[in-house]
Structures are given as structure tokens and as C-alpha cells.
Amino acid sequence: MKPLWIAVALLMTATTAHAESVLGQWLTPVGATAEVYRCDASVCVKLVTLSKDAPSRVDSNNPDAALRKRSLCGLVMGRGFHLSGSTEADGGQLYDPKSGKTYSGTMTTDGDRFLRLRGYVGIKLFGRTEVWTRVQNKVPVCRE
């Protein structure tokens, strides 16, 4: 009986550790879903669903005119983050499709429910924080 209880305890610990991780799917304030995932040796962020009320389905504000027709569906909007523990990631770049600008960024979880993304230019003090909510049931990746 002991091995079964040990296995159950280890499984519960692993599940809890992942639940409080920055990794996973998150609902953004505009109603889109973004996924924070491992990409090579770092952590990336991509849009996996778009809000039905999204003003655009393409990257129309991109400073590169050649990219303005690309779909926002599946767009990698964050890259280069490094985990500093399971609840924090920093050193990355965040692309804001609304403004077409790229910012330095950090991510931290607030328990299991919220992810705080901070985008800034230069120093963290001069930035903006956006709070995302964890998606409880994984959503399929959009296709457009």
C-alpha cells in the first residue's frame, strides 16, 4: 500500500507545481487566449484564440509593412523569457499587436489564478502591467 500512496503524493505535488507555473493557457483582458510554453531553452507566448470582438484578425499595426497581413492567430507575441523559478520568467520580449511595439518583459504568477505581465522600455519602473487569468480547460489552437 505504501508505494501507491507515495505515487499519489508525487502526482499531486507535480500537478500543484505545474498549476502555479507561468506555463499554461491564459485569458487576456481583451478576451483572447495566450499560451505560455517552453520553446527551445526559453519560454515563449503565442495567441491561441482570438476574441470574437477583436478589431482585427491580422497584424495591421506591425511596423514592418510586409507583416501587416499576417494572422494574429498563432502569433508568437513573447519570446526569450527565462524561468527564474516556476512562478517567474524574465529577460524576454513582448510584442503588442495593438500598438505594433515590442517591449522588454517579465511574467509572474499570483497563485494559480493570475499571471502578471509587465512590459517596459529601459527600466521596469517605466512600464505597464497586464493581468491575465488562467484558463481552467485547455482550449484548442485557432486556425485561420
Protein backbone atom coordinates (compact mmCIF):
# COMPACT_ATOMS: atom_id res chain seq x y z
CA MET A 1 0.00 0.00 0.00
CA LYS A 2 2.86 2.44 0.73
CA PRO A 3 4.07 2.64 -2.92
CA LEU A 4 0.55 3.62 -4.06
CA TRP A 5 0.33 6.47 -1.53
CA ILE A 6 3.81 7.67 -2.47
CA ALA A 7 2.86 7.68 -6.16
CA VAL A 8 -0.36 9.61 -5.42
CA ALA A 9 1.55 12.17 -3.30
CA LEU A 10 4.16 12.67 -6.03
CA LEU A 11 1.47 13.10 -8.68
CA MET A 12 -0.37 15.69 -6.56
CA THR A 13 2.87 17.59 -5.96
CA ALA A 14 3.70 17.61 -9.68
CA THR A 15 0.19 18.80 -10.55
CA THR A 16 0.30 21.60 -7.99
CA ALA A 17 3.75 22.72 -9.12
CA HIS A 18 2.61 22.99 -12.75
CA ALA A 19 -0.63 24.73 -11.77
CA GLU A 20 1.28 27.62 -10.18
CA SER A 21 3.73 27.84 -13.06
CA VAL A 22 3.78 30.64 -15.62
CA LEU A 23 3.33 27.87 -18.21
CA GLY A 24 -0.17 27.20 -19.48
CA GLN A 25 -3.04 28.98 -21.16
CA TRP A 26 -4.20 32.41 -20.01
CA LEU A 27 -7.21 34.59 -20.85
CA THR A 28 -6.16 38.14 -21.74
CA PRO A 29 -8.19 41.25 -20.79
CA VAL A 30 -9.41 41.58 -24.41
CA GLY A 31 -10.83 38.03 -24.44
CA ALA A 32 -8.09 36.26 -26.40
CA THR A 33 -6.28 33.19 -25.08
CA ALA A 34 -2.49 33.10 -24.97
CA GLU A 35 -0.31 30.09 -24.24
CA VAL A 36 2.95 30.37 -22.31
CA TYR A 37 5.12 27.40 -23.29
CA ARG A 38 8.70 26.16 -23.45
CA CYS A 39 10.44 26.89 -26.74
CA ASP A 40 13.97 25.57 -27.03
CA ALA A 41 15.84 26.74 -23.90
CA SER A 42 13.48 29.63 -23.16
CA VAL A 43 9.79 30.41 -22.70
CA CYS A 44 7.52 31.89 -25.39
CA VAL A 45 3.98 33.27 -25.57
CA LYS A 46 1.61 32.81 -28.52
CA LEU A 47 -2.00 33.70 -29.22
CA VAL A 48 -4.09 30.54 -29.48
CA THR A 49 -7.58 32.05 -29.74
CA LEU A 50 -8.80 35.48 -30.73
CA SER A 51 -11.74 37.30 -29.21
CA LYS A 52 -14.84 37.28 -31.38
CA ASP A 53 -14.87 41.05 -30.83
CA ALA A 54 -11.24 41.55 -31.91
CA PRO A 55 -10.97 44.70 -34.05
CA SER A 56 -8.60 42.91 -36.41
CA ARG A 57 -7.61 39.36 -37.29
CA VAL A 58 -4.31 40.43 -38.85
CA ASP A 59 -1.21 42.19 -37.52
CA SER A 60 -2.24 45.50 -39.10
CA ASN A 61 -0.19 47.71 -36.75
CA ASN A 62 3.13 45.94 -37.34
CA PRO A 63 5.89 48.45 -38.15
CA ASP A 64 7.07 46.09 -40.92
CA ALA A 65 4.62 46.61 -43.80
CA ALA A 66 5.37 43.10 -45.11
CA LEU A 67 3.94 41.59 -41.88
CA ARG A 68 0.71 43.59 -41.68
CA LYS A 69 -1.34 40.91 -43.42
CA ARG A 70 -0.17 38.00 -41.20
CA SER A 71 -2.77 36.40 -38.97
CA LEU A 72 -2.82 37.12 -35.25
CA CYS A 73 -3.97 33.53 -34.81
CA GLY A 74 -0.90 31.60 -33.66
CA LEU A 75 1.23 34.76 -33.47
CA VAL A 76 4.25 34.41 -31.15
CA MET A 77 3.99 37.60 -29.15
CA GLY A 78 6.57 36.80 -26.49
CA ARG A 79 9.96 35.14 -26.71
CA GLY A 80 13.29 34.81 -24.95
CA PHE A 81 11.94 34.54 -21.40
CA HIS A 82 13.98 32.58 -18.86
CA LEU A 83 12.35 30.86 -15.89
CA SER A 84 13.59 32.09 -12.53
CA GLY A 85 11.70 29.51 -10.55
CA SER A 86 8.36 28.12 -11.66
CA THR A 87 6.40 31.29 -10.86
CA GLU A 88 8.58 33.88 -12.62
CA ALA A 89 10.08 34.44 -16.05
CA ASP A 90 12.11 37.43 -17.17
CA GLY A 91 14.53 38.71 -19.77
CA GLY A 92 12.05 38.32 -22.63
CA GLN A 93 10.48 40.49 -25.29
CA LEU A 94 6.73 41.15 -25.59
CA TYR A 95 5.13 42.27 -28.84
CA ASP A 96 1.88 44.25 -28.53
CA PRO A 97 -0.20 43.78 -31.70
CA LYS A 98 -2.45 46.72 -30.72
CA SER A 99 0.43 49.20 -30.91
CA GLY A 100 2.88 47.27 -33.07
CA LYS A 101 5.59 47.88 -30.47
CA THR A 102 7.94 45.45 -28.73
CA TYR A 103 8.85 45.80 -25.07
CA SER A 104 11.15 44.12 -22.56
CA GLY A 105 9.07 41.95 -20.27
CA THR A 106 8.63 39.89 -17.14
CA MET A 107 5.96 37.40 -16.04
CA THR A 108 4.96 36.35 -12.53
CA THR A 109 2.11 34.23 -11.27
CA ASP A 110 -0.12 35.31 -8.46
CA GLY A 111 -1.04 31.89 -7.09
CA ASP A 112 -2.72 29.59 -9.57
CA ARG A 113 -5.19 32.10 -11.00
CA PHE A 114 -3.39 35.15 -12.32
CA LEU A 115 -0.38 35.95 -14.49
CA ARG A 116 1.08 39.43 -14.32
CA LEU A 117 2.90 40.53 -17.47
CA ARG A 118 4.96 43.67 -17.27
CA GLY A 119 6.13 45.35 -20.44
CA TYR A 120 8.62 48.18 -20.22
CA VAL A 121 11.19 50.25 -22.07
CA GLY A 122 14.56 50.63 -20.37
CA ILE A 123 13.72 50.02 -16.72
CA LYS A 124 10.81 48.15 -15.15
CA LEU A 125 9.61 51.25 -13.32
CA PHE A 126 8.51 52.79 -16.64
CA GLY A 127 6.13 50.14 -17.86
CA ARG A 128 2.66 48.73 -17.75
CA THR A 129 1.34 45.58 -16.10
CA GLU A 130 -1.45 43.49 -17.57
CA VAL A 131 -3.16 40.72 -15.58
CA TRP A 132 -4.24 37.51 -17.31
CA THR A 133 -6.44 34.76 -15.83
CA ARG A 134 -5.56 31.06 -16.07
CA VAL A 135 -7.75 29.02 -18.42
CA GLN A 136 -9.08 26.02 -16.50
CA ASN A 137 -9.85 23.82 -19.52
CA LYS A 138 -7.26 23.87 -22.27
CA VAL A 139 -8.60 25.39 -25.50
CA PRO A 140 -7.62 24.21 -28.97
CA VAL A 141 -5.31 26.37 -31.06
CA CYS A 142 -7.13 28.61 -33.53
CA ARG A 143 -6.82 28.07 -37.26
CA GLU A 144 -7.26 30.94 -39.68
